Amino acid sequence: MTNRDIDAAVSRNLRKLIARSGLPQHKVAERAGMYQSGLSRSLSGHREWRVQEVVSLAAMFDTTVERLAS
């Protein structure tokens, strides 16, 4: 699996979790210590995920980094 594949999996899984949560992107970004624009760009594949962002988002959604990346 390449980094691009991992980023795509993280984005796909996070989009599902965000939708289920009902939270707007700016609130998700705020809670994860990110800017909304960075979250949006990462979710759309225009920016690579940073490790700390994925760790924070996994904790926020009570999942693991491994599950987000699969």
PDB file of N, CA and C in Angstrom:
ATOM      1  N   MET A   1       0.852  -1.182   0.000  1.00  0.00           N
ATOM      2  CA  MET A   1       0.000   0.000   0.000  1.00  0.00           C
ATOM      3  C   MET A   1       0.900   1.249   0.000  1.00  0.00           C
ATOM      4  N   THR A   2       0.628   2.188  -0.872  1.00  0.00           N
ATOM      5  CA  THR A   2       1.431   3.409  -0.961  1.00  0.00           C
ATOM      6  C   THR A   2       0.881   4.475  -0.011  1.00  0.00           C
ATOM      7  N   ASN A   3       1.664   5.521   0.194  1.00  0.00           N
ATOM      8  CA  ASN A   3       1.199   6.641   1.021  1.00  0.00           C
ATOM      9  C   ASN A   3      -0.086   7.244   0.460  1.00  0.00           C
ATOM     10  N   ARG A   4      -0.165   7.325  -0.855  1.00  0.00           N
ATOM     11  CA  ARG A   4      -1.368   7.875  -1.499  1.00  0.00           C
ATOM     12  C   ARG A   4      -2.590   7.002  -1.195  1.00  0.00           C
ATOM     13  N   ASP A   5      -2.388   5.679  -1.211  1.00  0.00           N
ATOM     14  CA  ASP A   5      -3.480   4.755  -0.881  1.00  0.00           C
ATOM     15  C   ASP A   5      -3.922   4.923   0.572  1.00  0.00           C
ATOM     16  N   ILE A   6      -2.959   5.089   1.456  1.00  0.00           N
ATOM     17  CA  ILE A   6      -3.258   5.265   2.881  1.00  0.00           C
ATOM     18  C   ILE A   6      -4.011   6.571   3.088  1.00  0.00           C
ATOM     19  N   ASP A   7      -3.531   7.647   2.474  1.00  0.00           N
ATOM     20  CA  ASP A   7      -4.222   8.940   2.583  1.00  0.00           C
ATOM     21  C   ASP A   7      -5.657   8.837   2.076  1.00  0.00           C
ATOM     22  N   ALA A   8      -5.852   8.126   0.964  1.00  0.00           N
ATOM     23  CA  ALA A   8      -7.197   7.977   0.399  1.00  0.00           C
ATOM     24  C   ALA A   8      -8.094   7.194   1.355  1.00  0.00           C
ATOM     25  N   ALA A   9      -7.555   6.154   1.977  1.00  0.00           N
ATOM     26  CA  ALA A   9      -8.342   5.368   2.931  1.00  0.00           C
ATOM     27  C   ALA A   9      -8.703   6.200   4.147  1.00  0.00           C
ATOM     28  N   VAL A  10      -7.742   6.962   4.670  1.00  0.00           N
ATOM     29  CA  VAL A  10      -8.009   7.831   5.820  1.00  0.00           C
ATOM     30  C   VAL A  10      -9.107   8.826   5.467  1.00  0.00           C
ATOM     31  N   SER A  11      -9.010   9.438   4.316  1.00  0.00           N
ATOM     32  CA  SER A  11     -10.023  10.413   3.884  1.00  0.00           C
ATOM     33  C   SER A  11     -11.387   9.781   3.768  1.00  0.00           C
ATOM     34  N   ARG A  12     -11.460   8.629   3.115  1.00  0.00           N
ATOM     35  CA  ARG A  12     -12.735   7.929   2.928  1.00  0.00           C
ATOM     36  C   ARG A  12     -13.375   7.594   4.279  1.00  0.00           C
ATOM     37  N   ASN A  13     -12.583   7.044   5.184  1.00  0.00           N
ATOM     38  CA  ASN A  13     -13.116   6.652   6.492  1.00  0.00           C
ATOM     39  C   ASN A  13     -13.491   7.862   7.338  1.00  0.00           C
ATOM     40  N   LEU A  14     -12.703   8.919   7.271  1.00  0.00           N
ATOM     41  CA  LEU A  14     -13.035  10.120   8.038  1.00  0.00           C
ATOM     42  C   LEU A  14     -14.283  10.812   7.498  1.00  0.00           C
ATOM     43  N   ARG A  15     -14.461  10.840   6.194  1.00  0.00           N
ATOM     44  CA  ARG A  15     -15.677  11.437   5.638  1.00  0.00           C
ATOM     45  C   ARG A  15     -16.914  10.721   6.184  1.00  0.00           C
ATOM     46  N   LYS A  16     -16.849   9.388   6.275  1.00  0.00           N
ATOM     47  CA  LYS A  16     -17.967   8.626   6.832  1.00  0.00           C
ATOM     48  C   LYS A  16     -18.205   8.977   8.294  1.00  0.00           C
ATOM     49  N   LEU A  17     -17.123   9.021   9.075  1.00  0.00           N
ATOM     50  CA  LEU A  17     -17.251   9.326  10.501  1.00  0.00           C
ATOM     51  C   LEU A  17     -17.772  10.741  10.734  1.00  0.00           C
ATOM     52  N   ILE A  18     -17.303  11.682   9.943  1.00  0.00           N
ATOM     53  CA  ILE A  18     -17.758  13.068  10.080  1.00  0.00           C
ATOM     54  C   ILE A  18     -19.242  13.161   9.741  1.00  0.00           C
ATOM     55  N   ALA A  19     -19.639  12.498   8.671  1.00  0.00           N
ATOM     56  CA  ALA A  19     -21.053  12.519   8.274  1.00  0.00           C
ATOM     57  C   ALA A  19     -21.931  11.923   9.375  1.00  0.00           C
ATOM     58  N   ARG A  20     -21.501  10.801   9.933  1.00  0.00           N
ATOM     59  CA  ARG A  20     -22.281  10.155  11.002  1.00  0.00           C
ATOM     60  C   ARG A  20     -22.368  11.018  12.251  1.00  0.00           C
ATOM     61  N   SER A  21     -21.306  11.774  12.504  1.00  0.00           N
ATOM     62  CA  SER A  21     -21.273  12.589  13.726  1.00  0.00           C
ATOM     63  C   SER A  21     -22.220  13.771  13.648  1.00  0.00           C
ATOM     64  N   GLY A  22     -22.492  14.247  12.424  1.00  0.00           N
ATOM     65  CA  GLY A  22     -23.340  15.415  12.253  1.00  0.00           C
ATOM     66  C   GLY A  22     -22.637  16.729  12.556  1.00  0.00           C
ATOM     67  N   LEU A  23     -21.351  16.657  12.870  1.00  0.00           N
ATOM     68  CA  LEU A  23     -20.594  17.877  13.167  1.00  0.00           C
ATOM     69  C   LEU A  23     -20.160  18.554  11.875  1.00  0.00           C
ATOM     70  N   PRO A  24     -20.187  19.883  11.845  1.00  0.00           N
ATOM     71  CA  PRO A  24     -19.652  20.584  10.670  1.00  0.00           C
ATOM     72  C   PRO A  24     -18.127  20.459  10.646  1.00  0.00           C
ATOM     73  N   GLN A  25     -17.561  20.539   9.460  1.00  0.00           N
ATOM     74  CA  GLN A  25     -16.115  20.392   9.315  1.00  0.00           C
ATOM     75  C   GLN A  25     -15.326  21.352  10.191  1.00  0.00           C
ATOM     76  N   HIS A  26     -15.785  22.572  10.339  1.00  0.00           N
ATOM     77  CA  HIS A  26     -15.000  23.525  11.118  1.00  0.00           C
ATOM     78  C   HIS A  26     -14.918  23.106  12.587  1.00  0.00           C
ATOM     79  N   LYS A  27     -15.957  22.447  13.102  1.00  0.00           N
ATOM     80  CA  LYS A  27     -15.935  21.957  14.485  1.00  0.00           C
ATOM     81  C   LYS A  27     -14.997  20.757  14.617  1.00  0.00           C
ATOM     82  N   VAL A  28     -15.034  19.865  13.636  1.00  0.00           N
ATOM     83  CA  VAL A  28     -14.134  18.714  13.640  1.00  0.00           C
ATOM     84  C   VAL A  28     -12.688  19.205  13.600  1.00  0.00           C
ATOM     85  N   ALA A  29     -12.420  20.132  12.709  1.00  0.00           N
ATOM     86  CA  ALA A  29     -11.063  20.674  12.584  1.00  0.00           C
ATOM     87  C   ALA A  29     -10.621  21.337  13.879  1.00  0.00           C
ATOM     88  N   GLU A  30     -11.485  22.125  14.455  1.00  0.00           N
ATOM     89  CA  GLU A  30     -11.165  22.826  15.699  1.00  0.00           C
ATOM     90  C   GLU A  30     -10.802  21.834  16.806  1.00  0.00           C
ATOM     91  N   ARG A  31     -11.611  20.800  16.949  1.00  0.00           N
ATOM     92  CA  ARG A  31     -11.373  19.795  17.997  1.00  0.00           C
ATOM     93  C   ARG A  31     -10.093  19.003  17.753  1.00  0.00           C
ATOM     94  N   ALA A  32      -9.690  18.875  16.485  1.00  0.00           N
ATOM     95  CA  ALA A  32      -8.474  18.139  16.144  1.00  0.00           C
ATOM     96  C   ALA A  32      -7.247  19.046  16.101  1.00  0.00           C
ATOM     97  N   GLY A  33      -7.435  20.345  16.370  1.00  0.00           N
ATOM     98  CA  GLY A  33      -6.313  21.273  16.349  1.00  0.00           C
ATOM     99  C   GLY A  33      -5.833  21.626  14.961  1.00  0.00           C
ATOM    100  N   MET A  34      -6.771  21.646  14.024  1.00  0.00           N
ATOM    101  CA  MET A  34      -6.455  21.942  12.626  1.00  0.00           C
ATOM    102  C   MET A  34      -7.246  23.162  12.169  1.00  0.00           C
ATOM    103  N   TYR A  35      -6.839  23.688  11.020  1.00  0.00           N
ATOM    104  CA  TYR A  35      -7.653  24.676  10.332  1.00  0.00           C
ATOM    105  C   TYR A  35      -8.659  23.923   9.471  1.00  0.00           C
ATOM    106  N   GLN A  36      -9.850  24.509   9.290  1.00  0.00           N
ATOM    107  CA  GLN A  36     -10.874  23.873   8.472  1.00  0.00           C
ATOM    108  C   GLN A  36     -10.381  23.691   7.041  1.00  0.00           C
ATOM    109  N   SER A  37      -9.632  24.648   6.533  1.00  0.00           N
ATOM    110  CA  SER A  37      -9.136  24.541   5.154  1.00  0.00           C
ATOM    111  C   SER A  37      -8.183  23.355   4.999  1.00  0.00           C
ATOM    112  N   GLY A  38      -7.359  23.094   6.006  1.00  0.00           N
ATOM    113  CA  GLY A  38      -6.451  21.938   5.962  1.00  0.00           C
ATOM    114  C   GLY A  38      -7.216  20.631   5.997  1.00  0.00           C
ATOM    115  N   LEU A  39      -8.238  20.568   6.842  1.00  0.00           N
ATOM    116  CA  LEU A  39      -9.075  19.371   6.902  1.00  0.00           C
ATOM    117  C   LEU A  39      -9.747  19.134   5.560  1.00  0.00           C
ATOM    118  N   SER A  40     -10.328  20.170   5.002  1.00  0.00           N
ATOM    119  CA  SER A  40     -11.019  20.056   3.724  1.00  0.00           C
ATOM    120  C   SER A  40     -10.070  19.611   2.617  1.00  0.00           C
ATOM    121  N   ARG A  41      -8.893  20.202   2.571  1.00  0.00           N
ATOM    122  CA  ARG A  41      -7.921  19.851   1.528  1.00  0.00           C
ATOM    123  C   ARG A  41      -7.423  18.416   1.682  1.00  0.00           C
ATOM    124  N   SER A  42      -7.240  17.967   2.920  1.00  0.00           N
ATOM    125  CA  SER A  42      -6.818  16.583   3.144  1.00  0.00           C
ATOM    126  C   SER A  42      -7.930  15.603   2.787  1.00  0.00           C
ATOM    127  N   LEU A  43      -9.156  15.931   3.180  1.00  0.00           N
ATOM    128  CA  LEU A  43     -10.283  15.054   2.861  1.00  0.00           C
ATOM    129  C   LEU A  43     -10.487  14.917   1.353  1.00  0.00           C
ATOM    130  N   SER A  44     -10.191  15.973   0.615  1.00  0.00           N
ATOM    131  CA  SER A  44     -10.396  15.943  -0.840  1.00  0.00           C
ATOM    132  C   SER A  44      -9.170  15.439  -1.607  1.00  0.00           C
ATOM    133  N   GLY A  45      -8.097  15.110  -0.884  1.00  0.00           N
ATOM    134  CA  GLY A  45      -6.910  14.566  -1.546  1.00  0.00           C
ATOM    135  C   GLY A  45      -5.948  15.598  -2.096  1.00  0.00           C
ATOM    136  N   HIS A  46      -6.147  16.862  -1.761  1.00  0.00           N
ATOM    137  CA  HIS A  46      -5.266  17.923  -2.257  1.00  0.00           C
ATOM    138  C   HIS A  46      -4.124  18.231  -1.299  1.00  0.00           C
ATOM    139  N   ARG A  47      -4.087  17.527  -0.178  1.00  0.00           N
ATOM    140  CA  ARG A  47      -3.058  17.745   0.836  1.00  0.00           C
ATOM    141  C   ARG A  47      -2.870  16.430   1.573  1.00  0.00           C
ATOM    142  N   GLU A  48      -1.613  16.072   1.846  1.00  0.00           N
ATOM    143  CA  GLU A  48      -1.338  14.844   2.588  1.00  0.00           C
ATOM    144  C   GLU A  48      -1.711  15.020   4.053  1.00  0.00           C
ATOM    145  N   TRP A  49      -2.149  13.935   4.658  1.00  0.00           N
ATOM    146  CA  TRP A  49      -2.447  13.945   6.085  1.00  0.00           C
ATOM    147  C   TRP A  49      -1.163  14.004   6.874  1.00  0.00           C
ATOM    148  N   ARG A  50      -1.184  14.722   7.965  1.00  0.00           N
ATOM    149  CA  ARG A  50      -0.056  14.745   8.897  1.00  0.00           C
ATOM    150  C   ARG A  50      -0.357  13.738   9.996  1.00  0.00           C
ATOM    151  N   VAL A  51       0.687  13.078  10.478  1.00  0.00           N
ATOM    152  CA  VAL A  51       0.512  12.012  11.459  1.00  0.00           C
ATOM    153  C   VAL A  51      -0.279  12.491  12.671  1.00  0.00           C
ATOM    154  N   GLN A  52       0.072  13.633  13.229  1.00  0.00           N
ATOM    155  CA  GLN A  52      -0.612  14.114  14.430  1.00  0.00           C
ATOM    156  C   GLN A  52      -2.086  14.395  14.178  1.00  0.00           C
ATOM    157  N   GLU A  53      -2.421  14.834  12.967  1.00  0.00           N
ATOM    158  CA  GLU A  53      -3.824  15.070  12.631  1.00  0.00           C
ATOM    159  C   GLU A  53      -4.609  13.758  12.664  1.00  0.00           C
ATOM    160  N   VAL A  54      -4.029  12.730  12.067  1.00  0.00           N
ATOM    161  CA  VAL A  54      -4.709  11.437  12.013  1.00  0.00           C
ATOM    162  C   VAL A  54      -4.844  10.857  13.418  1.00  0.00           C
ATOM    163  N   VAL A  55      -3.810  11.002  14.227  1.00  0.00           N
ATOM    164  CA  VAL A  55      -3.868  10.522  15.611  1.00  0.00           C
ATOM    165  C   VAL A  55      -4.972  11.253  16.375  1.00  0.00           C
ATOM    166  N   SER A  56      -5.027  12.569  16.236  1.00  0.00           N
ATOM    167  CA  SER A  56      -6.056  13.367  16.926  1.00  0.00           C
ATOM    168  C   SER A  56      -7.454  13.005  16.460  1.00  0.00           C
ATOM    169  N   LEU A  57      -7.630  12.855  15.164  1.00  0.00           N
ATOM    170  CA  LEU A  57      -8.953  12.520  14.625  1.00  0.00           C
ATOM    171  C   LEU A  57      -9.372  11.107  15.019  1.00  0.00           C
ATOM    172  N   ALA A  58      -8.438  10.180  15.038  1.00  0.00           N
ATOM    173  CA  ALA A  58      -8.762   8.816  15.473  1.00  0.00           C
ATOM    174  C   ALA A  58      -9.256   8.835  16.916  1.00  0.00           C
ATOM    175  N   ALA A  59      -8.561   9.563  17.777  1.00  0.00           N
ATOM    176  CA  ALA A  59      -8.977   9.656  19.180  1.00  0.00           C
ATOM    177  C   ALA A  59     -10.342  10.329  19.293  1.00  0.00           C
ATOM    178  N   MET A  60     -10.550  11.367  18.525  1.00  0.00           N
ATOM    179  CA  MET A  60     -11.810  12.099  18.571  1.00  0.00           C
ATOM    180  C   MET A  60     -12.991  11.204  18.208  1.00  0.00           C
ATOM    181  N   PHE A  61     -12.784  10.318  17.238  1.00  0.00           N
ATOM    182  CA  PHE A  61     -13.857   9.435  16.789  1.00  0.00           C
ATOM    183  C   PHE A  61     -13.774   8.046  17.437  1.00  0.00           C
ATOM    184  N   ASP A  62     -12.965   7.943  18.482  1.00  0.00           N
ATOM    185  CA  ASP A  62     -12.854   6.715  19.270  1.00  0.00           C
ATOM    186  C   ASP A  62     -12.543   5.498  18.382  1.00  0.00           C
ATOM    187  N   THR A  63     -11.539   5.670  17.540  1.00  0.00           N
ATOM    188  CA  THR A  63     -11.083   4.580  16.679  1.00  0.00           C
ATOM    189  C   THR A  63      -9.563   4.581  16.702  1.00  0.00           C
ATOM    190  N   THR A  64      -8.967   3.754  15.878  1.00  0.00           N
ATOM    191  CA  THR A  64      -7.506   3.680  15.816  1.00  0.00           C
ATOM    192  C   THR A  64      -7.013   4.205  14.480  1.00  0.00           C
ATOM    193  N   VAL A  65      -5.755   4.570  14.455  1.00  0.00           N
ATOM    194  CA  VAL A  65      -5.122   4.996  13.213  1.00  0.00           C
ATOM    195  C   VAL A  65      -5.176   3.843  12.203  1.00  0.00           C
ATOM    196  N   GLU A  66      -4.966   2.645  12.680  1.00  0.00           N
ATOM    197  CA  GLU A  66      -4.978   1.468  11.793  1.00  0.00           C
ATOM    198  C   GLU A  66      -6.335   1.315  11.117  1.00  0.00           C
ATOM    199  N   ARG A  67      -7.401   1.519  11.858  1.00  0.00           N
ATOM    200  CA  ARG A  67      -8.737   1.403  11.255  1.00  0.00           C
ATOM    201  C   ARG A  67      -8.998   2.517  10.247  1.00  0.00           C
ATOM    202  N   LEU A  68      -8.536   3.729  10.559  1.00  0.00           N
ATOM    203  CA  LEU A  68      -8.717   4.821   9.598  1.00  0.00           C
ATOM    204  C   LEU A  68      -7.964   4.540   8.302  1.00  0.00           C
ATOM    205  N   ALA A  69      -6.820   3.897   8.419  1.00  0.00           N
ATOM    206  CA  ALA A  69      -5.961   3.658   7.247  1.00  0.00           C
ATOM    207  C   ALA A  69      -6.333   2.407   6.458  1.00  0.00           C
ATOM    208  N   SER A  70      -7.317   1.672   6.933  1.00  0.00           N
ATOM    209  CA  SER A  70      -7.661   0.422   6.226  1.00  0.00           C
ATOM    210  C   SER A  70      -8.879   0.575   5.342  1.00  0.00           C
TER     211      SER A  70
END
